[in-house]
Amino acid sequence: MTLNNLSKNKKLVLGIVLDLIGMITFIDIIWAPISALLMTKMYAGKKGKVAGVFSFIEEILPGFDIIPSFTIMWFFTYVFSKKPEVIEVK
């Protein structure tokens, strides 16, 4: 199972865990590229790439660790999205 195919609830939980990891300040230089890669894997397309760049910059800059970028991206994708979610009935 890839990160892109996770359910929205699992993505939220994973995003919160990854945001908590990102708040550890002494691992920023290692965490920044990993965070960007995970963001692009969790959210496909242009949104994921833009979020990956934002996540990298947010993690690499000192003092910005408190921004929960994975959780913000989850809300942007699933709560504030303009596209209605299609529910397939089998």
PDB file of N, CA and C in Angstrom:
ATOM      1  N   MET A   1       0.848  -1.174   0.000  1.00  0.00           N
ATOM      2  CA  MET A   1       0.000   0.000   0.000  1.00  0.00           C
ATOM      3  C   MET A   1       0.899   1.245   0.000  1.00  0.00           C
ATOM      4  N   THR A   2       0.595   2.161  -0.873  1.00  0.00           N
ATOM      5  CA  THR A   2       1.372   3.391  -0.942  1.00  0.00           C
ATOM      6  C   THR A   2       0.732   4.465  -0.071  1.00  0.00           C
ATOM      7  N   LEU A   3       1.501   5.493   0.205  1.00  0.00           N
ATOM      8  CA  LEU A   3       0.983   6.578   1.043  1.00  0.00           C
ATOM      9  C   LEU A   3      -0.156   7.319   0.368  1.00  0.00           C
ATOM     10  N   ASN A   4      -0.150   7.364  -0.956  1.00  0.00           N
ATOM     11  CA  ASN A   4      -1.191   8.071  -1.695  1.00  0.00           C
ATOM     12  C   ASN A   4      -2.539   7.365  -1.592  1.00  0.00           C
ATOM     13  N   ASN A   5      -2.528   6.056  -1.371  1.00  0.00           N
ATOM     14  CA  ASN A   5      -3.770   5.279  -1.342  1.00  0.00           C
ATOM     15  C   ASN A   5      -4.343   5.083   0.060  1.00  0.00           C
ATOM     16  N   LEU A   6      -3.765   5.709   1.064  1.00  0.00           N
ATOM     17  CA  LEU A   6      -4.300   5.594   2.422  1.00  0.00           C
ATOM     18  C   LEU A   6      -5.654   6.286   2.519  1.00  0.00           C
ATOM     19  N   SER A   7      -6.484   5.814   3.438  1.00  0.00           N
ATOM     20  CA  SER A   7      -7.766   6.487   3.665  1.00  0.00           C
ATOM     21  C   SER A   7      -7.504   7.858   4.275  1.00  0.00           C
ATOM     22  N   LYS A   8      -8.506   8.723   4.197  1.00  0.00           N
ATOM     23  CA  LYS A   8      -8.289  10.085   4.687  1.00  0.00           C
ATOM     24  C   LYS A   8      -8.073  10.112   6.196  1.00  0.00           C
ATOM     25  N   ASN A   9      -8.685   9.208   6.940  1.00  0.00           N
ATOM     26  CA  ASN A   9      -8.474   9.167   8.391  1.00  0.00           C
ATOM     27  C   ASN A   9      -7.062   8.699   8.737  1.00  0.00           C
ATOM     28  N   LYS A  10      -6.556   7.713   7.998  1.00  0.00           N
ATOM     29  CA  LYS A  10      -5.190   7.246   8.230  1.00  0.00           C
ATOM     30  C   LYS A  10      -4.179   8.322   7.846  1.00  0.00           C
ATOM     31  N   LYS A  11      -4.488   9.082   6.789  1.00  0.00           N
ATOM     32  CA  LYS A  11      -3.600  10.184   6.414  1.00  0.00           C
ATOM     33  C   LYS A  11      -3.565  11.254   7.496  1.00  0.00           C
ATOM     34  N   LEU A  12      -4.705  11.508   8.125  1.00  0.00           N
ATOM     35  CA  LEU A  12      -4.747  12.500   9.200  1.00  0.00           C
ATOM     36  C   LEU A  12      -3.894  12.046  10.381  1.00  0.00           C
ATOM     37  N   VAL A  13      -4.055  10.807  10.803  1.00  0.00           N
ATOM     38  CA  VAL A  13      -3.278  10.285  11.930  1.00  0.00           C
ATOM     39  C   VAL A  13      -1.789  10.286  11.594  1.00  0.00           C
ATOM     40  N   LEU A  14      -1.440   9.810  10.406  1.00  0.00           N
ATOM     41  CA  LEU A  14      -0.043   9.804   9.983  1.00  0.00           C
ATOM     42  C   LEU A  14       0.506  11.224   9.904  1.00  0.00           C
ATOM     43  N   GLY A  15      -0.294  12.145   9.404  1.00  0.00           N
ATOM     44  CA  GLY A  15       0.128  13.539   9.308  1.00  0.00           C
ATOM     45  C   GLY A  15       0.399  14.153  10.670  1.00  0.00           C
ATOM     46  N   ILE A  16      -0.439  13.848  11.642  1.00  0.00           N
ATOM     47  CA  ILE A  16      -0.224  14.368  12.997  1.00  0.00           C
ATOM     48  C   ILE A  16       1.060  13.798  13.589  1.00  0.00           C
ATOM     49  N   VAL A  17       1.289  12.503  13.375  1.00  0.00           N
ATOM     50  CA  VAL A  17       2.527  11.884  13.866  1.00  0.00           C
ATOM     51  C   VAL A  17       3.745  12.521  13.192  1.00  0.00           C
ATOM     52  N   LEU A  18       3.671  12.726  11.881  1.00  0.00           N
ATOM     53  CA  LEU A  18       4.795  13.337  11.164  1.00  0.00           C
ATOM     54  C   LEU A  18       5.009  14.785  11.594  1.00  0.00           C
ATOM     55  N   ASP A  19       3.944  15.503  11.885  1.00  0.00           N
ATOM     56  CA  ASP A  19       4.085  16.868  12.405  1.00  0.00           C
ATOM     57  C   ASP A  19       4.763  16.865  13.773  1.00  0.00           C
ATOM     58  N   LEU A  20       4.436  15.894  14.607  1.00  0.00           N
ATOM     59  CA  LEU A  20       5.083  15.797  15.917  1.00  0.00           C
ATOM     60  C   LEU A  20       6.569  15.479  15.774  1.00  0.00           C
ATOM     61  N   ILE A  21       6.908  14.611  14.829  1.00  0.00           N
ATOM     62  CA  ILE A  21       8.322  14.324  14.560  1.00  0.00           C
ATOM     63  C   ILE A  21       9.025  15.588  14.081  1.00  0.00           C
ATOM     64  N   GLY A  22       8.360  16.359  13.247  1.00  0.00           N
ATOM     65  CA  GLY A  22       8.947  17.586  12.719  1.00  0.00           C
ATOM     66  C   GLY A  22       9.182  18.653  13.765  1.00  0.00           C
ATOM     67  N   MET A  23       8.531  18.539  14.909  1.00  0.00           N
ATOM     68  CA  MET A  23       8.729  19.530  15.970  1.00  0.00           C
ATOM     69  C   MET A  23      10.002  19.283  16.774  1.00  0.00           C
ATOM     70  N   ILE A  24      10.673  18.171  16.532  1.00  0.00           N
ATOM     71  CA  ILE A  24      11.954  17.901  17.187  1.00  0.00           C
ATOM     72  C   ILE A  24      13.006  18.740  16.474  1.00  0.00           C
ATOM     73  N   THR A  25      13.506  19.756  17.139  1.00  0.00           N
ATOM     74  CA  THR A  25      14.323  20.766  16.461  1.00  0.00           C
ATOM     75  C   THR A  25      15.704  20.277  16.058  1.00  0.00           C
ATOM     76  N   PHE A  26      16.292  19.346  16.764  1.00  0.00           N
ATOM     77  CA  PHE A  26      17.666  18.977  16.454  1.00  0.00           C
ATOM     78  C   PHE A  26      17.802  18.012  15.279  1.00  0.00           C
ATOM     79  N   ILE A  27      16.703  17.583  14.674  1.00  0.00           N
ATOM     80  CA  ILE A  27      16.792  16.705  13.504  1.00  0.00           C
ATOM     81  C   ILE A  27      16.358  17.407  12.218  1.00  0.00           C
ATOM     82  N   ASP A  28      16.243  18.723  12.250  1.00  0.00           N
ATOM     83  CA  ASP A  28      15.711  19.464  11.099  1.00  0.00           C
ATOM     84  C   ASP A  28      16.492  19.230   9.815  1.00  0.00           C
ATOM     85  N   ILE A  29      17.798  19.218   9.871  1.00  0.00           N
ATOM     86  CA  ILE A  29      18.611  19.085   8.661  1.00  0.00           C
ATOM     87  C   ILE A  29      18.393  17.720   8.001  1.00  0.00           C
ATOM     88  N   ILE A  30      18.076  16.720   8.793  1.00  0.00           N
ATOM     89  CA  ILE A  30      17.793  15.379   8.255  1.00  0.00           C
ATOM     90  C   ILE A  30      16.311  15.257   7.899  1.00  0.00           C
ATOM     91  N   TRP A  31      15.453  15.826   8.725  1.00  0.00           N
ATOM     92  CA  TRP A  31      14.008  15.667   8.562  1.00  0.00           C
ATOM     93  C   TRP A  31      13.441  16.454   7.386  1.00  0.00           C
ATOM     94  N   ALA A  32      14.025  17.595   7.049  1.00  0.00           N
ATOM     95  CA  ALA A  32      13.462  18.458   5.998  1.00  0.00           C
ATOM     96  C   ALA A  32      13.303  17.731   4.660  1.00  0.00           C
ATOM     97  N   PRO A  33      14.337  17.069   4.113  1.00  0.00           N
ATOM     98  CA  PRO A  33      14.123  16.378   2.834  1.00  0.00           C
ATOM     99  C   PRO A  33      13.205  15.162   2.953  1.00  0.00           C
ATOM    100  N   ILE A  34      13.252  14.480   4.100  1.00  0.00           N
ATOM    101  CA  ILE A  34      12.365  13.331   4.306  1.00  0.00           C
ATOM    102  C   ILE A  34      10.914  13.801   4.358  1.00  0.00           C
ATOM    103  N   SER A  35      10.689  14.899   5.052  1.00  0.00           N
ATOM    104  CA  SER A  35       9.347  15.478   5.157  1.00  0.00           C
ATOM    105  C   SER A  35       8.804  15.861   3.781  1.00  0.00           C
ATOM    106  N   ALA A  36       9.642  16.489   2.978  1.00  0.00           N
ATOM    107  CA  ALA A  36       9.218  16.891   1.634  1.00  0.00           C
ATOM    108  C   ALA A  36       8.877  15.672   0.782  1.00  0.00           C
ATOM    109  N   LEU A  37       9.694  14.636   0.862  1.00  0.00           N
ATOM    110  CA  LEU A  37       9.440  13.418   0.091  1.00  0.00           C
ATOM    111  C   LEU A  37       8.140  12.751   0.534  1.00  0.00           C
ATOM    112  N   LEU A  38       7.932  12.646   1.839  1.00  0.00           N
ATOM    113  CA  LEU A  38       6.701  12.031   2.337  1.00  0.00           C
ATOM    114  C   LEU A  38       5.466  12.830   1.934  1.00  0.00           C
ATOM    115  N   MET A  39       5.595  14.145   1.942  1.00  0.00           N
ATOM    116  CA  MET A  39       4.461  14.999   1.548  1.00  0.00           C
ATOM    117  C   MET A  39       4.087  14.749   0.086  1.00  0.00           C
ATOM    118  N   THR A  40       5.088  14.649  -0.791  1.00  0.00           N
ATOM    119  CA  THR A  40       4.786  14.408  -2.208  1.00  0.00           C
ATOM    120  C   THR A  40       4.243  13.002  -2.436  1.00  0.00           C
ATOM    121  N   LYS A  41       4.611  12.051  -1.578  1.00  0.00           N
ATOM    122  CA  LYS A  41       4.087  10.690  -1.705  1.00  0.00           C
ATOM    123  C   LYS A  41       2.656  10.583  -1.167  1.00  0.00           C
ATOM    124  N   MET A  42       2.334  11.357  -0.139  1.00  0.00           N
ATOM    125  CA  MET A  42       0.989  11.292   0.449  1.00  0.00           C
ATOM    126  C   MET A  42      -0.052  11.999  -0.407  1.00  0.00           C
ATOM    127  N   TYR A  43       0.351  13.095  -1.061  1.00  0.00           N
ATOM    128  CA  TYR A  43      -0.587  13.900  -1.842  1.00  0.00           C
ATOM    129  C   TYR A  43      -0.040  14.042  -3.254  1.00  0.00           C
ATOM    130  N   ALA A  44      -0.699  13.410  -4.200  1.00  0.00           N
ATOM    131  CA  ALA A  44      -0.217  13.371  -5.577  1.00  0.00           C
ATOM    132  C   ALA A  44      -0.498  14.673  -6.310  1.00  0.00           C
ATOM    133  N   GLY A  45       0.188  14.841  -7.414  1.00  0.00           N
ATOM    134  CA  GLY A  45      -0.074  15.972  -8.294  1.00  0.00           C
ATOM    135  C   GLY A  45       0.636  17.245  -7.890  1.00  0.00           C
ATOM    136  N   LYS A  46       0.153  18.324  -8.469  1.00  0.00           N
ATOM    137  CA  LYS A  46       0.764  19.634  -8.246  1.00  0.00           C
ATOM    138  C   LYS A  46       0.641  20.069  -6.788  1.00  0.00           C
ATOM    139  N   LYS A  47      -0.511  19.774  -6.157  1.00  0.00           N
ATOM    140  CA  LYS A  47      -0.698  20.134  -4.748  1.00  0.00           C
ATOM    141  C   LYS A  47       0.355  19.469  -3.869  1.00  0.00           C
ATOM    142  N   GLY A  48       0.649  18.212  -4.140  1.00  0.00           N
ATOM    143  CA  GLY A  48       1.644  17.490  -3.355  1.00  0.00           C
ATOM    144  C   GLY A  48       3.041  18.043  -3.533  1.00  0.00           C
ATOM    145  N   LYS A  49       3.367  18.438  -4.764  1.00  0.00           N
ATOM    146  CA  LYS A  49       4.694  19.003  -5.019  1.00  0.00           C
ATOM    147  C   LYS A  49       4.859  20.356  -4.341  1.00  0.00           C
ATOM    148  N   VAL A  50       3.833  21.196  -4.429  1.00  0.00           N
ATOM    149  CA  VAL A  50       3.886  22.506  -3.767  1.00  0.00           C
ATOM    150  C   VAL A  50       3.963  22.317  -2.255  1.00  0.00           C
ATOM    151  N   ALA A  51       3.182  21.395  -1.729  1.00  0.00           N
ATOM    152  CA  ALA A  51       3.210  21.125  -0.290  1.00  0.00           C
ATOM    153  C   ALA A  51       4.560  20.559   0.134  1.00  0.00           C
ATOM    154  N   GLY A  52       5.187  19.762  -0.724  1.00  0.00           N
ATOM    155  CA  GLY A  52       6.512  19.231  -0.425  1.00  0.00           C
ATOM    156  C   GLY A  52       7.555  20.331  -0.313  1.00  0.00           C
ATOM    157  N   VAL A  53       7.501  21.294  -1.218  1.00  0.00           N
ATOM    158  CA  VAL A  53       8.429  22.435  -1.162  1.00  0.00           C
ATOM    159  C   VAL A  53       8.167  23.246   0.105  1.00  0.00           C
ATOM    160  N   PHE A  54       6.895  23.507   0.394  1.00  0.00           N
ATOM    161  CA  PHE A  54       6.543  24.242   1.614  1.00  0.00           C
ATOM    162  C   PHE A  54       7.030  23.501   2.852  1.00  0.00           C
ATOM    163  N   SER A  55       6.836  22.189   2.874  1.00  0.00           N
ATOM    164  CA  SER A  55       7.246  21.391   4.018  1.00  0.00           C
ATOM    165  C   SER A  55       8.762  21.430   4.197  1.00  0.00           C
ATOM    166  N   PHE A  56       9.500  21.352   3.100  1.00  0.00           N
ATOM    167  CA  PHE A  56      10.961  21.416   3.175  1.00  0.00           C
ATOM    168  C   PHE A  56      11.414  22.752   3.750  1.00  0.00           C
ATOM    169  N   ILE A  57      10.867  23.834   3.221  1.00  0.00           N
ATOM    170  CA  ILE A  57      11.257  25.172   3.684  1.00  0.00           C
ATOM    171  C   ILE A  57      10.872  25.361   5.154  1.00  0.00           C
ATOM    172  N   GLU A  58       9.686  24.901   5.514  1.00  0.00           N
ATOM    173  CA  GLU A  58       9.218  25.043   6.895  1.00  0.00           C
ATOM    174  C   GLU A  58      10.103  24.273   7.865  1.00  0.00           C
ATOM    175  N   GLU A  59      10.564  23.107   7.468  1.00  0.00           N
ATOM    176  CA  GLU A  59      11.395  22.294   8.358  1.00  0.00           C
ATOM    177  C   GLU A  59      12.843  22.769   8.404  1.00  0.00           C
ATOM    178  N   ILE A  60      13.360  23.301   7.324  1.00  0.00           N
ATOM    179  CA  ILE A  60      14.772  23.687   7.274  1.00  0.00           C
ATOM    180  C   ILE A  60      15.023  25.019   7.978  1.00  0.00           C
ATOM    181  N   LEU A  61      14.012  25.898   8.017  1.00  0.00           N
ATOM    182  CA  LEU A  61      14.175  27.193   8.674  1.00  0.00           C
ATOM    183  C   LEU A  61      13.996  27.044  10.184  1.00  0.00           C
ATOM    184  N   PRO A  62      14.925  27.577  10.958  1.00  0.00           N
ATOM    185  CA  PRO A  62      14.781  27.471  12.416  1.00  0.00           C
ATOM    186  C   PRO A  62      13.613  28.319  12.923  1.00  0.00           C
ATOM    187  N   GLY A  63      12.900  27.769  13.891  1.00  0.00           N
ATOM    188  CA  GLY A  63      11.796  28.497  14.505  1.00  0.00           C
ATOM    189  C   GLY A  63      10.438  28.258  13.881  1.00  0.00           C
ATOM    190  N   PHE A  64      10.391  27.589  12.755  1.00  0.00           N
ATOM    191  CA  PHE A  64       9.113  27.345  12.081  1.00  0.00           C
ATOM    192  C   PHE A  64       8.600  25.923  12.301  1.00  0.00           C
ATOM    193  N   ASP A  65       9.196  25.211  13.235  1.00  0.00           N
ATOM    194  CA  ASP A  65       8.813  23.819  13.483  1.00  0.00           C
ATOM    195  C   ASP A  65       7.397  23.665  14.004  1.00  0.00           C
ATOM    196  N   ILE A  66       6.831  24.715  14.536  1.00  0.00           N
ATOM    197  CA  ILE A  66       5.503  24.591  15.146  1.00  0.00           C
ATOM    198  C   ILE A  66       4.373  24.565  14.122  1.00  0.00           C
ATOM    199  N   ILE A  67       4.679  24.840  12.854  1.00  0.00           N
ATOM    200  CA  ILE A  67       3.653  24.824  11.804  1.00  0.00           C
ATOM    201  C   ILE A  67       3.341  23.370  11.449  1.00  0.00           C
ATOM    202  N   PRO A  68       2.107  22.908  11.640  1.00  0.00           N
ATOM    203  CA  PRO A  68       1.757  21.519  11.322  1.00  0.00           C
ATOM    204  C   PRO A  68       1.429  21.355   9.829  1.00  0.00           C
ATOM    205  N   SER A  69       2.443  21.288   9.005  1.00  0.00           N
ATOM    206  CA  SER A  69       2.241  21.314   7.551  1.00  0.00           C
ATOM    207  C   SER A  69       1.467  20.104   7.030  1.00  0.00           C
ATOM    208  N   PHE A  70       1.693  18.914   7.586  1.00  0.00           N
ATOM    209  CA  PHE A  70       0.955  17.735   7.125  1.00  0.00           C
ATOM    210  C   PHE A  70      -0.533  17.854   7.469  1.00  0.00           C
ATOM    211  N   THR A  71      -0.826  18.346   8.663  1.00  0.00           N
ATOM    212  CA  THR A  71      -2.216  18.509   9.081  1.00  0.00           C
ATOM    213  C   THR A  71      -2.903  19.607   8.279  1.00  0.00           C
ATOM    214  N   ILE A  72      -2.198  20.685   8.004  1.00  0.00           N
ATOM    215  CA  ILE A  72      -2.752  21.758   7.172  1.00  0.00           C
ATOM    216  C   ILE A  72      -3.062  21.235   5.776  1.00  0.00           C
ATOM    217  N   MET A  73      -2.164  20.436   5.219  1.00  0.00           N
ATOM    218  CA  MET A  73      -2.397  19.876   3.885  1.00  0.00           C
ATOM    219  C   MET A  73      -3.598  18.928   3.900  1.00  0.00           C
ATOM    220  N   TRP A  74      -3.770  18.169   4.976  1.00  0.00           N
ATOM    221  CA  TRP A  74      -4.922  17.282   5.075  1.00  0.00           C
ATOM    222  C   TRP A  74      -6.213  18.093   5.059  1.00  0.00           C
ATOM    223  N   PHE A  75      -6.275  19.168   5.856  1.00  0.00           N
ATOM    224  CA  PHE A  75      -7.461  20.023   5.865  1.00  0.00           C
ATOM    225  C   PHE A  75      -7.679  20.675   4.507  1.00  0.00           C
ATOM    226  N   PHE A  76      -6.606  21.107   3.871  1.00  0.00           N
ATOM    227  CA  PHE A  76      -6.713  21.720   2.547  1.00  0.00           C
ATOM    228  C   PHE A  76      -7.281  20.725   1.531  1.00  0.00           C
ATOM    229  N   THR A  77      -6.860  19.471   1.631  1.00  0.00           N
ATOM    230  CA  THR A  77      -7.284  18.451   0.669  1.00  0.00           C
ATOM    231  C   THR A  77      -8.693  17.938   0.936  1.00  0.00           C
ATOM    232  N   TYR A  78      -9.024  17.675   2.197  1.00  0.00           N
ATOM    233  CA  TYR A  78     -10.276  16.982   2.496  1.00  0.00           C
ATOM    234  C   TYR A  78     -11.383  17.863   3.075  1.00  0.00           C
ATOM    235  N   VAL A  79     -11.068  19.000   3.636  1.00  0.00           N
ATOM    236  CA  VAL A  79     -12.094  19.846   4.238  1.00  0.00           C
ATOM    237  C   VAL A  79     -12.405  21.053   3.360  1.00  0.00           C
ATOM    238  N   PHE A  80     -11.371  21.728   2.879  1.00  0.00           N
ATOM    239  CA  PHE A  80     -11.560  22.952   2.107  1.00  0.00           C
ATOM    240  C   PHE A  80     -11.521  22.730   0.600  1.00  0.00           C
ATOM    241  N   SER A  81     -11.512  21.490   0.155  1.00  0.00           N
ATOM    242  CA  SER A  81     -11.447  21.169  -1.269  1.00  0.00           C
ATOM    243  C   SER A  81     -12.752  21.538  -1.962  1.00  0.00           C
ATOM    244  N   LYS A  82     -12.646  22.023  -3.187  1.00  0.00           N
ATOM    245  CA  LYS A  82     -13.829  22.410  -3.959  1.00  0.00           C
ATOM    246  C   LYS A  82     -14.488  21.212  -4.628  1.00  0.00           C
ATOM    247  N   LYS A  83     -13.716  20.144  -4.859  1.00  0.00           N
ATOM    248  CA  LYS A  83     -14.274  18.966  -5.504  1.00  0.00           C
ATOM    249  C   LYS A  83     -15.034  18.124  -4.484  1.00  0.00           C
ATOM    250  N   PRO A  84     -16.272  17.757  -4.787  1.00  0.00           N
ATOM    251  CA  PRO A  84     -16.999  16.880  -3.867  1.00  0.00           C
ATOM    252  C   PRO A  84     -16.414  15.467  -3.917  1.00  0.00           C
ATOM    253  N   GLU A  85     -16.423  14.804  -2.785  1.00  0.00           N
ATOM    254  CA  GLU A  85     -15.915  13.442  -2.729  1.00  0.00           C
ATOM    255  C   GLU A  85     -16.954  12.498  -3.322  1.00  0.00           C
ATOM    256  N   VAL A  86     -16.528  11.643  -4.227  1.00  0.00           N
ATOM    257  CA  VAL A  86     -17.426  10.697  -4.880  1.00  0.00           C
ATOM    258  C   VAL A  86     -17.437   9.414  -4.066  1.00  0.00           C
ATOM    259  N   ILE A  87     -18.623   8.986  -3.679  1.00  0.00           N
ATOM    260  CA  ILE A  87     -18.777   7.750  -2.927  1.00  0.00           C
ATOM    261  C   ILE A  87     -19.344   6.706  -3.874  1.00  0.00           C
ATOM    262  N   GLU A  88     -18.580   5.645  -4.056  1.00  0.00           N
ATOM    263  CA  GLU A  88     -18.986   4.591  -4.976  1.00  0.00           C
ATOM    264  C   GLU A  88     -19.718   3.505  -4.204  1.00  0.00           C
ATOM    265  N   VAL A  89     -20.924   3.177  -4.635  1.00  0.00           N
ATOM    266  CA  VAL A  89     -21.725   2.137  -4.004  1.00  0.00           C
ATOM    267  C   VAL A  89     -21.626   0.890  -4.860  1.00  0.00           C
ATOM    268  N   LYS A  90     -21.273  -0.215  -4.213  1.00  0.00           N
ATOM    269  CA  LYS A  90     -21.122  -1.475  -4.959  1.00  0.00           C
ATOM    270  C   LYS A  90     -22.260  -2.407  -4.656  1.00  0.00           C
TER     271      LYS A  90
END
